[in-house]
């Protein structure tokens, strides 16, 4: 009985860790599919490289009240710069590049 409980506990832990680590990896997907993920969910965390990821949104409704939208592009299988939507940025928008 004790062994069965350990197996169940380990299985649940393994499933939780696996679910938490899964995110779409944009370099392996076509641009259109990446755009559909963000568009259909409204917001999504996407893997953009081996050790990089970010949150991308469809529109302002998925940002906090004190955030603004910044256009975002990600690498995709069929293009190096796929227009995926936006990132939510804190603070005032940067209107000038100094």
PDB file of N, CA and C in Angstrom:
ATOM      1  N   UNK A   1       0.827  -1.187   0.000  1.00  0.00           N
ATOM      2  CA  UNK A   1       0.000   0.000   0.000  1.00  0.00           C
ATOM      3  C   UNK A   1       0.875   1.256   0.000  1.00  0.00           C
ATOM      4  N   UNK A   2       1.918   1.219   0.809  1.00  0.00           N
ATOM      5  CA  UNK A   2       2.810   2.369   0.899  1.00  0.00           C
ATOM      6  C   UNK A   2       3.514   2.605  -0.439  1.00  0.00           C
ATOM      7  N   UNK A   3       3.896   1.523  -1.095  1.00  0.00           N
ATOM      8  CA  UNK A   3       4.567   1.626  -2.383  1.00  0.00           C
ATOM      9  C   UNK A   3       3.626   2.244  -3.426  1.00  0.00           C
ATOM     10  N   UNK A   4       2.359   1.843  -3.396  1.00  0.00           N
ATOM     11  CA  UNK A   4       1.371   2.377  -4.325  1.00  0.00           C
ATOM     12  C   UNK A   4       1.190   3.882  -4.123  1.00  0.00           C
ATOM     13  N   UNK A   5       1.155   4.328  -2.877  1.00  0.00           N
ATOM     14  CA  UNK A   5       1.024   5.756  -2.587  1.00  0.00           C
ATOM     15  C   UNK A   5       2.230   6.537  -3.132  1.00  0.00           C
ATOM     16  N   UNK A   6       3.421   5.991  -2.977  1.00  0.00           N
ATOM     17  CA  UNK A   6       4.624   6.653  -3.498  1.00  0.00           C
ATOM     18  C   UNK A   6       4.555   6.753  -5.031  1.00  0.00           C
ATOM     19  N   UNK A   7       4.130   5.699  -5.664  1.00  0.00           N
ATOM     20  CA  UNK A   7       4.020   5.702  -7.127  1.00  0.00           C
ATOM     21  C   UNK A   7       3.004   6.746  -7.583  1.00  0.00           C
ATOM     22  N   UNK A   8       1.869   6.810  -6.929  1.00  0.00           N
ATOM     23  CA  UNK A   8       0.846   7.795  -7.275  1.00  0.00           C
ATOM     24  C   UNK A   8       1.350   9.220  -7.052  1.00  0.00           C
ATOM     25  N   UNK A   9       1.999   9.444  -5.928  1.00  0.00           N
ATOM     26  CA  UNK A   9       2.524  10.783  -5.633  1.00  0.00           C
ATOM     27  C   UNK A   9       3.574  11.191  -6.656  1.00  0.00           C
ATOM     28  N   UNK A  10       4.467  10.290  -7.003  1.00  0.00           N
ATOM     29  CA  UNK A  10       5.507  10.590  -7.980  1.00  0.00           C
ATOM     30  C   UNK A  10       4.902  10.852  -9.354  1.00  0.00           C
ATOM     31  N   UNK A  11       3.893  10.076  -9.723  1.00  0.00           N
ATOM     32  CA  UNK A  11       3.228  10.254 -11.016  1.00  0.00           C
ATOM     33  C   UNK A  11       2.559  11.614 -11.108  1.00  0.00           C
ATOM     34  N   UNK A  12       1.895  12.029 -10.053  1.00  0.00           N
ATOM     35  CA  UNK A  12       1.231  13.329 -10.046  1.00  0.00           C
ATOM     36  C   UNK A  12       2.251  14.454 -10.128  1.00  0.00           C
ATOM     37  N   UNK A  13       3.347  14.321  -9.427  1.00  0.00           N
ATOM     38  CA  UNK A  13       4.405  15.327  -9.468  1.00  0.00           C
ATOM     39  C   UNK A  13       5.011  15.415 -10.860  1.00  0.00           C
ATOM     40  N   UNK A  14       5.268  14.291 -11.476  1.00  0.00           N
ATOM     41  CA  UNK A  14       5.846  14.267 -12.818  1.00  0.00           C
ATOM     42  C   UNK A  14       4.906  14.911 -13.831  1.00  0.00           C
ATOM     43  N   UNK A  15       3.610  14.659 -13.728  1.00  0.00           N
ATOM     44  CA  UNK A  15       2.643  15.263 -14.651  1.00  0.00           C
ATOM     45  C   UNK A  15       2.574  16.771 -14.451  1.00  0.00           C
ATOM     46  N   UNK A  16       2.617  17.238 -13.209  1.00  0.00           N
ATOM     47  CA  UNK A  16       2.556  18.661 -12.912  1.00  0.00           C
ATOM     48  C   UNK A  16       3.778  19.374 -13.480  1.00  0.00           C
ATOM     49  N   UNK A  17       4.955  18.819 -13.297  1.00  0.00           N
ATOM     50  CA  UNK A  17       6.183  19.419 -13.814  1.00  0.00           C
ATOM     51  C   UNK A  17       6.156  19.456 -15.339  1.00  0.00           C
ATOM     52  N   UNK A  18       5.722  18.386 -15.963  1.00  0.00           N
ATOM     53  CA  UNK A  18       5.676  18.332 -17.420  1.00  0.00           C
ATOM     54  C   UNK A  18       4.705  19.366 -17.971  1.00  0.00           C
ATOM     55  N   UNK A  19       3.545  19.522 -17.348  1.00  0.00           N
ATOM     56  CA  UNK A  19       2.582  20.514 -17.807  1.00  0.00           C
ATOM     57  C   UNK A  19       3.110  21.921 -17.639  1.00  0.00           C
ATOM     58  N   UNK A  20       3.806  22.211 -16.570  1.00  0.00           N
ATOM     59  CA  UNK A  20       4.308  23.550 -16.312  1.00  0.00           C
ATOM     60  C   UNK A  20       5.402  23.944 -17.291  1.00  0.00           C
ATOM     61  N   UNK A  21       6.131  22.989 -17.823  1.00  0.00           N
ATOM     62  CA  UNK A  21       7.249  23.304 -18.690  1.00  0.00           C
ATOM     63  C   UNK A  21       6.867  23.411 -20.161  1.00  0.00           C
ATOM     64  N   UNK A  22       5.701  22.959 -20.552  1.00  0.00           N
ATOM     65  CA  UNK A  22       5.330  22.953 -21.955  1.00  0.00           C
ATOM     66  C   UNK A  22       4.860  24.327 -22.386  1.00  0.00           C
ATOM     67  N   UNK A  23       5.472  24.822 -23.471  1.00  0.00           N
ATOM     68  CA  UNK A  23       5.008  26.046 -24.112  1.00  0.00           C
ATOM     69  C   UNK A  23       5.349  25.926 -25.579  1.00  0.00           C
ATOM     70  N   UNK A  24       4.562  26.511 -26.457  1.00  0.00           N
ATOM     71  CA  UNK A  24       4.880  26.430 -27.883  1.00  0.00           C
ATOM     72  C   UNK A  24       6.260  27.016 -28.179  1.00  0.00           C
ATOM     73  N   UNK A  25       7.025  26.327 -29.012  1.00  0.00           N
ATOM     74  CA  UNK A  25       8.377  26.743 -29.378  1.00  0.00           C
ATOM     75  C   UNK A  25       8.305  27.341 -30.783  1.00  0.00           C
ATOM     76  N   UNK A  26       8.346  28.664 -30.883  1.00  0.00           N
ATOM     77  CA  UNK A  26       8.079  29.345 -32.147  1.00  0.00           C
ATOM     78  C   UNK A  26       9.032  28.966 -33.285  1.00  0.00           C
ATOM     79  N   UNK A  27      10.333  28.724 -33.059  1.00  0.00           N
ATOM     80  CA  UNK A  27      11.199  28.373 -34.191  1.00  0.00           C
ATOM     81  C   UNK A  27      10.818  27.069 -34.897  1.00  0.00           C
ATOM     82  N   UNK A  28      10.005  26.239 -34.250  1.00  0.00           N
ATOM     83  CA  UNK A  28       9.610  24.985 -34.893  1.00  0.00           C
ATOM     84  C   UNK A  28       8.209  25.052 -35.507  1.00  0.00           C
ATOM     85  N   UNK A  29       7.545  26.202 -35.388  1.00  0.00           N
ATOM     86  CA  UNK A  29       6.183  26.352 -35.900  1.00  0.00           C
ATOM     87  C   UNK A  29       6.141  27.358 -37.042  1.00  0.00           C
ATOM     88  N   UNK A  30       5.214  27.179 -37.995  1.00  0.00           N
ATOM     89  CA  UNK A  30       5.051  28.194 -39.038  1.00  0.00           C
ATOM     90  C   UNK A  30       4.467  29.477 -38.429  1.00  0.00           C
ATOM     91  N   UNK A  31       4.779  30.594 -39.032  1.00  0.00           N
ATOM     92  CA  UNK A  31       4.351  31.898 -38.524  1.00  0.00           C
ATOM     93  C   UNK A  31       2.842  31.949 -38.306  1.00  0.00           C
ATOM     94  N   UNK A  32       2.085  31.478 -39.242  1.00  0.00           N
ATOM     95  CA  UNK A  32       0.624  31.535 -39.147  1.00  0.00           C
ATOM     96  C   UNK A  32       0.111  30.789 -37.916  1.00  0.00           C
ATOM     97  N   UNK A  33       0.724  29.676 -37.587  1.00  0.00           N
ATOM     98  CA  UNK A  33       0.296  28.909 -36.409  1.00  0.00           C
ATOM     99  C   UNK A  33       0.605  29.666 -35.126  1.00  0.00           C
ATOM    100  N   UNK A  34       1.758  30.317 -35.072  1.00  0.00           N
ATOM    101  CA  UNK A  34       2.120  31.116 -33.892  1.00  0.00           C
ATOM    102  C   UNK A  34       1.112  32.250 -33.724  1.00  0.00           C
ATOM    103  N   UNK A  35       0.760  32.920 -34.822  1.00  0.00           N
ATOM    104  CA  UNK A  35      -0.223  34.003 -34.773  1.00  0.00           C
ATOM    105  C   UNK A  35      -1.583  33.496 -34.306  1.00  0.00           C
ATOM    106  N   UNK A  36      -1.962  32.300 -34.731  1.00  0.00           N
ATOM    107  CA  UNK A  36      -3.241  31.725 -34.324  1.00  0.00           C
ATOM    108  C   UNK A  36      -3.270  31.397 -32.834  1.00  0.00           C
ATOM    109  N   UNK A  37      -2.144  30.974 -32.287  1.00  0.00           N
ATOM    110  CA  UNK A  37      -2.077  30.665 -30.850  1.00  0.00           C
ATOM    111  C   UNK A  37      -2.372  31.919 -30.046  1.00  0.00           C
ATOM    112  N   UNK A  38      -1.686  33.003 -30.364  1.00  0.00           N
ATOM    113  CA  UNK A  38      -1.893  34.256 -29.628  1.00  0.00           C
ATOM    114  C   UNK A  38      -3.300  34.791 -29.899  1.00  0.00           C
ATOM    115  N   UNK A  39      -3.721  34.755 -31.150  1.00  0.00           N
ATOM    116  CA  UNK A  39      -5.032  35.281 -31.498  1.00  0.00           C
ATOM    117  C   UNK A  39      -6.186  34.548 -30.844  1.00  0.00           C
ATOM    118  N   UNK A  40      -6.112  33.239 -30.793  1.00  0.00           N
ATOM    119  CA  UNK A  40      -7.222  32.459 -30.239  1.00  0.00           C
ATOM    120  C   UNK A  40      -7.259  32.482 -28.715  1.00  0.00           C
ATOM    121  N   UNK A  41      -6.099  32.566 -28.071  1.00  0.00           N
ATOM    122  CA  UNK A  41      -6.057  32.578 -26.604  1.00  0.00           C
ATOM    123  C   UNK A  41      -6.073  33.986 -26.036  1.00  0.00           C
ATOM    124  N   UNK A  42      -5.686  34.961 -26.824  1.00  0.00           N
ATOM    125  CA  UNK A  42      -5.606  36.342 -26.342  1.00  0.00           C
ATOM    126  C   UNK A  42      -4.264  36.667 -25.737  1.00  0.00           C
ATOM    127  N   UNK A  43      -3.680  35.721 -25.030  1.00  0.00           N
ATOM    128  CA  UNK A  43      -2.354  35.873 -24.434  1.00  0.00           C
ATOM    129  C   UNK A  43      -1.724  34.490 -24.346  1.00  0.00           C
ATOM    130  N   UNK A  44      -0.414  34.431 -24.585  1.00  0.00           N
ATOM    131  CA  UNK A  44       0.264  33.135 -24.527  1.00  0.00           C
ATOM    132  C   UNK A  44       1.739  33.348 -24.202  1.00  0.00           C
ATOM    133  N   UNK A  45       2.294  32.425 -23.454  1.00  0.00           N
ATOM    134  CA  UNK A  45       3.730  32.402 -23.210  1.00  0.00           C
ATOM    135  C   UNK A  45       4.329  31.482 -24.267  1.00  0.00           C
ATOM    136  N   UNK A  46       5.259  32.034 -25.052  1.00  0.00           N
ATOM    137  CA  UNK A  46       5.859  31.293 -26.153  1.00  0.00           C
ATOM    138  C   UNK A  46       7.364  31.163 -25.950  1.00  0.00           C
ATOM    139  N   UNK A  47       7.892  29.990 -26.229  1.00  0.00           N
ATOM    140  CA  UNK A  47       9.333  29.797 -26.247  1.00  0.00           C
ATOM    141  C   UNK A  47       9.875  30.352 -27.551  1.00  0.00           C
ATOM    142  N   UNK A  48      10.836  31.263 -27.463  1.00  0.00           N
ATOM    143  CA  UNK A  48      11.376  31.902 -28.672  1.00  0.00           C
ATOM    144  C   UNK A  48      12.792  31.465 -28.990  1.00  0.00           C
ATOM    145  N   UNK A  49      13.388  30.705 -28.114  1.00  0.00           N
ATOM    146  CA  UNK A  49      14.736  30.192 -28.299  1.00  0.00           C
ATOM    147  C   UNK A  49      14.970  29.080 -27.301  1.00  0.00           C
ATOM    148  N   UNK A  50      16.169  28.550 -27.302  1.00  0.00           N
ATOM    149  CA  UNK A  50      16.478  27.427 -26.412  1.00  0.00           C
ATOM    150  C   UNK A  50      16.212  27.747 -24.952  1.00  0.00           C
ATOM    151  N   UNK A  51      16.591  28.946 -24.517  1.00  0.00           N
ATOM    152  CA  UNK A  51      16.424  29.328 -23.109  1.00  0.00           C
ATOM    153  C   UNK A  51      15.651  30.630 -22.963  1.00  0.00           C
ATOM    154  N   UNK A  52      14.878  31.026 -23.972  1.00  0.00           N
ATOM    155  CA  UNK A  52      14.159  32.297 -23.905  1.00  0.00           C
ATOM    156  C   UNK A  52      12.672  32.095 -24.153  1.00  0.00           C
ATOM    157  N   UNK A  53      11.880  32.916 -23.493  1.00  0.00           N
ATOM    158  CA  UNK A  53      10.438  32.887 -23.662  1.00  0.00           C
ATOM    159  C   UNK A  53       9.897  34.256 -23.260  1.00  0.00           C
ATOM    160  N   UNK A  54       8.668  34.537 -23.653  1.00  0.00           N
ATOM    161  CA  UNK A  54       8.034  35.798 -23.283  1.00  0.00           C
ATOM    162  C   UNK A  54       6.528  35.624 -23.393  1.00  0.00           C
ATOM    163  N   UNK A  55       5.818  36.573 -22.859  1.00  0.00           N
ATOM    164  CA  UNK A  55       4.352  36.570 -22.934  1.00  0.00           C
ATOM    165  C   UNK A  55       3.942  37.531 -24.041  1.00  0.00           C
ATOM    166  N   UNK A  56       3.063  37.070 -24.911  1.00  0.00           N
ATOM    167  CA  UNK A  56       2.596  37.869 -26.033  1.00  0.00           C
ATOM    168  C   UNK A  56       1.072  37.965 -25.956  1.00  0.00           C
ATOM    169  N   UNK A  57       0.543  39.114 -26.373  1.00  0.00           N
ATOM    170  CA  UNK A  57      -0.891  39.352 -26.253  1.00  0.00           C
ATOM    171  C   UNK A  57      -1.480  39.789 -27.589  1.00  0.00           C
ATOM    172  N   UNK A  58      -2.802  39.589 -27.714  1.00  0.00           N
ATOM    173  CA  UNK A  58      -3.533  39.964 -28.913  1.00  0.00           C
ATOM    174  C   UNK A  58      -3.862  41.454 -28.925  1.00  0.00           C
ATOM    175  N   UNK A  59      -4.226  41.998 -27.732  1.00  0.00           N
ATOM    176  CA  UNK A  59      -4.613  43.403 -27.649  1.00  0.00           C
ATOM    177  C   UNK A  59      -4.477  43.914 -26.220  1.00  0.00           C
ATOM    178  N   UNK A  60      -4.820  45.153 -26.024  1.00  0.00           N
ATOM    179  CA  UNK A  60      -4.653  45.861 -24.750  1.00  0.00           C
ATOM    180  C   UNK A  60      -5.446  45.225 -23.610  1.00  0.00           C
ATOM    181  N   UNK A  61      -6.509  44.492 -23.926  1.00  0.00           N
ATOM    182  CA  UNK A  61      -7.331  43.860 -22.890  1.00  0.00           C
ATOM    183  C   UNK A  61      -6.558  42.848 -22.057  1.00  0.00           C
ATOM    184  N   UNK A  62      -5.410  42.393 -22.522  1.00  0.00           N
ATOM    185  CA  UNK A  62      -4.634  41.376 -21.807  1.00  0.00           C
ATOM    186  C   UNK A  62      -3.444  41.977 -21.060  1.00  0.00           C
ATOM    187  N   UNK A  63      -3.415  43.308 -20.957  1.00  0.00           N
ATOM    188  CA  UNK A  63      -2.371  44.011 -20.204  1.00  0.00           C
ATOM    189  C   UNK A  63      -2.989  44.619 -18.946  1.00  0.00           C
ATOM    190  N   UNK A  64      -2.124  44.974 -17.999  1.00  0.00           N
ATOM    191  CA  UNK A  64      -2.591  45.680 -16.814  1.00  0.00           C
ATOM    192  C   UNK A  64      -2.870  47.131 -17.180  1.00  0.00           C
ATOM    193  N   UNK A  65      -3.578  47.831 -16.318  1.00  0.00           N
ATOM    194  CA  UNK A  65      -4.012  49.190 -16.616  1.00  0.00           C
ATOM    195  C   UNK A  65      -2.843  50.161 -16.808  1.00  0.00           C
ATOM    196  N   UNK A  66      -1.726  49.912 -16.138  1.00  0.00           N
ATOM    197  CA  UNK A  66      -0.567  50.814 -16.235  1.00  0.00           C
ATOM    198  C   UNK A  66       0.440  50.368 -17.300  1.00  0.00           C
ATOM    199  N   UNK A  67       0.042  49.473 -18.183  1.00  0.00           N
ATOM    200  CA  UNK A  67       0.933  48.967 -19.231  1.00  0.00           C
ATOM    201  C   UNK A  67       0.468  49.447 -20.606  1.00  0.00           C
ATOM    202  N   UNK A  68       1.408  49.484 -21.529  1.00  0.00           N
ATOM    203  CA  UNK A  68       1.100  49.843 -22.912  1.00  0.00           C
ATOM    204  C   UNK A  68       1.557  48.713 -23.819  1.00  0.00           C
ATOM    205  N   UNK A  69       1.113  48.750 -25.060  1.00  0.00           N
ATOM    206  CA  UNK A  69       1.466  47.710 -26.025  1.00  0.00           C
ATOM    207  C   UNK A  69       2.733  48.066 -26.786  1.00  0.00           C
ATOM    208  N   UNK A  70       3.556  47.052 -27.008  1.00  0.00           N
ATOM    209  CA  UNK A  70       4.738  47.189 -27.844  1.00  0.00           C
ATOM    210  C   UNK A  70       4.666  46.076 -28.895  1.00  0.00           C
ATOM    211  N   UNK A  71       4.721  46.420 -30.186  1.00  0.00           N
ATOM    212  CA  UNK A  71       4.671  45.373 -31.219  1.00  0.00           C
ATOM    213  C   UNK A  71       5.782  44.339 -31.010  1.00  0.00           C
ATOM    214  N   UNK A  72       5.473  43.094 -31.326  1.00  0.00           N
ATOM    215  CA  UNK A  72       6.437  42.020 -31.088  1.00  0.00           C
ATOM    216  C   UNK A  72       6.553  41.103 -32.299  1.00  0.00           C
ATOM    217  N   UNK A  73       7.767  40.663 -32.556  1.00  0.00           N
ATOM    218  CA  UNK A  73       8.072  39.695 -33.603  1.00  0.00           C
ATOM    219  C   UNK A  73       8.857  38.560 -32.977  1.00  0.00           C
ATOM    220  N   UNK A  74       8.642  37.350 -33.468  1.00  0.00           N
ATOM    221  CA  UNK A  74       9.357  36.173 -32.966  1.00  0.00           C
ATOM    222  C   UNK A  74       9.899  35.379 -34.144  1.00  0.00           C
ATOM    223  N   UNK A  75      10.944  34.571 -33.919  1.00  0.00           N
ATOM    224  CA  UNK A  75      11.415  33.687 -34.989  1.00  0.00           C
ATOM    225  C   UNK A  75      10.415  32.545 -35.185  1.00  0.00           C
ATOM    226  N   UNK A  76      10.125  32.234 -36.420  1.00  0.00           N
ATOM    227  CA  UNK A  76       9.240  31.109 -36.751  1.00  0.00           C
ATOM    228  C   UNK A  76       9.960  30.217 -37.756  1.00  0.00           C
ATOM    229  N   UNK A  77       9.396  29.064 -37.987  1.00  0.00           N
ATOM    230  CA  UNK A  77      10.031  28.101 -38.891  1.00  0.00           C
ATOM    231  C   UNK A  77      10.198  28.661 -40.305  1.00  0.00           C
ATOM    232  N   UNK A  78       9.221  29.440 -40.758  1.00  0.00           N
ATOM    233  CA  UNK A  78       9.253  29.927 -42.131  1.00  0.00           C
ATOM    234  C   UNK A  78       9.670  31.397 -42.290  1.00  0.00           C
ATOM    235  N   UNK A  79       9.965  32.075 -41.192  1.00  0.00           N
ATOM    236  CA  UNK A  79      10.415  33.464 -41.274  1.00  0.00           C
ATOM    237  C   UNK A  79      11.173  33.851 -40.005  1.00  0.00           C
ATOM    238  N   UNK A  80      12.221  34.670 -40.141  1.00  0.00           N
ATOM    239  CA  UNK A  80      12.970  35.068 -38.944  1.00  0.00           C
ATOM    240  C   UNK A  80      12.234  36.109 -38.093  1.00  0.00           C
ATOM    241  N   UNK A  81      11.257  36.816 -38.667  1.00  0.00           N
ATOM    242  CA  UNK A  81      10.520  37.834 -37.917  1.00  0.00           C
ATOM    243  C   UNK A  81       9.022  37.713 -38.192  1.00  0.00           C
ATOM    244  N   UNK A  82       8.363  36.948 -37.384  1.00  0.00           N
ATOM    245  CA  UNK A  82       6.926  36.730 -37.500  1.00  0.00           C
ATOM    246  C   UNK A  82       6.204  37.732 -36.590  1.00  0.00           C
ATOM    247  N   UNK A  83       5.320  38.584 -37.144  1.00  0.00           N
ATOM    248  CA  UNK A  83       4.572  39.528 -36.301  1.00  0.00           C
ATOM    249  C   UNK A  83       3.502  38.781 -35.494  1.00  0.00           C
ATOM    250  N   UNK A  84       3.793  38.568 -34.230  1.00  0.00           N
ATOM    251  CA  UNK A  84       2.963  37.695 -33.403  1.00  0.00           C
ATOM    252  C   UNK A  84       1.890  38.458 -32.624  1.00  0.00           C
ATOM    253  N   UNK A  85       2.039  39.742 -32.477  1.00  0.00           N
ATOM    254  CA  UNK A  85       1.100  40.538 -31.684  1.00  0.00           C
ATOM    255  C   UNK A  85       1.862  41.586 -30.922  1.00  0.00           C
ATOM    256  N   UNK A  86       1.686  41.571 -29.594  1.00  0.00           N
ATOM    257  CA  UNK A  86       2.282  42.618 -28.757  1.00  0.00           C
ATOM    258  C   UNK A  86       2.852  42.034 -27.472  1.00  0.00           C
ATOM    259  N   UNK A  87       3.676  42.856 -26.806  1.00  0.00           N
ATOM    260  CA  UNK A  87       4.119  42.620 -25.431  1.00  0.00           C
ATOM    261  C   UNK A  87       3.517  43.728 -24.589  1.00  0.00           C
ATOM    262  N   UNK A  88       3.185  43.432 -23.353  1.00  0.00           N
ATOM    263  CA  UNK A  88       2.742  44.453 -22.412  1.00  0.00           C
ATOM    264  C   UNK A  88       3.985  45.027 -21.740  1.00  0.00           C
ATOM    265  N   UNK A  89       4.115  46.336 -21.769  1.00  0.00           N
ATOM    266  CA  UNK A  89       5.271  47.003 -21.177  1.00  0.00           C
ATOM    267  C   UNK A  89       4.813  47.947 -20.081  1.00  0.00           C
ATOM    268  N   UNK A  90       5.575  48.026 -18.995  1.00  0.00           N
ATOM    269  CA  UNK A  90       5.252  48.900 -17.875  1.00  0.00           C
ATOM    270  C   UNK A  90       5.792  50.302 -18.113  1.00  0.00           C
ATOM    271  N   UNK A  91       5.130  51.271 -17.482  1.00  0.00           N
ATOM    272  CA  UNK A  91       5.603  52.643 -17.541  1.00  0.00           C
ATOM    273  C   UNK A  91       5.116  53.365 -18.775  1.00  0.00           C
ATOM    274  N   UNK A  92       5.619  54.589 -18.961  1.00  0.00           N
ATOM    275  CA  UNK A  92       5.201  55.357 -20.131  1.00  0.00           C
ATOM    276  C   UNK A  92       5.836  54.802 -21.405  1.00  0.00           C
ATOM    277  N   UNK A  93       5.129  54.911 -22.539  1.00  0.00           N
ATOM    278  CA  UNK A  93       5.696  54.431 -23.805  1.00  0.00           C
ATOM    279  C   UNK A  93       6.949  55.197 -24.188  1.00  0.00           C
ATOM    280  N   UNK A  94       7.866  54.520 -24.836  1.00  0.00           N
ATOM    281  CA  UNK A  94       9.082  55.163 -25.342  1.00  0.00           C
ATOM    282  C   UNK A  94       8.778  55.718 -26.728  1.00  0.00           C
ATOM    283  N   UNK A  95       8.540  57.038 -26.798  1.00  0.00           N
ATOM    284  CA  UNK A  95       8.228  57.654 -28.061  1.00  0.00           C
ATOM    285  C   UNK A  95       9.481  58.029 -28.837  1.00  0.00           C
ATOM    286  N   UNK A  96      10.588  58.169 -28.128  1.00  0.00           N
ATOM    287  CA  UNK A  96      11.809  58.619 -28.775  1.00  0.00           C
ATOM    288  C   UNK A  96      12.916  57.608 -28.560  1.00  0.00           C
ATOM    289  N   UNK A  97      13.719  57.377 -29.583  1.00  0.00           N
ATOM    290  CA  UNK A  97      14.929  56.555 -29.439  1.00  0.00           C
ATOM    291  C   UNK A  97      16.090  57.500 -29.269  1.00  0.00           C
ATOM    292  N   UNK A  98      16.610  57.613 -28.081  1.00  0.00           N
ATOM    293  CA  UNK A  98      17.723  58.562 -27.824  1.00  0.00           C
ATOM    294  C   UNK A  98      19.018  57.969 -28.226  1.00  0.00           C
TER     295      UNK A  98
END
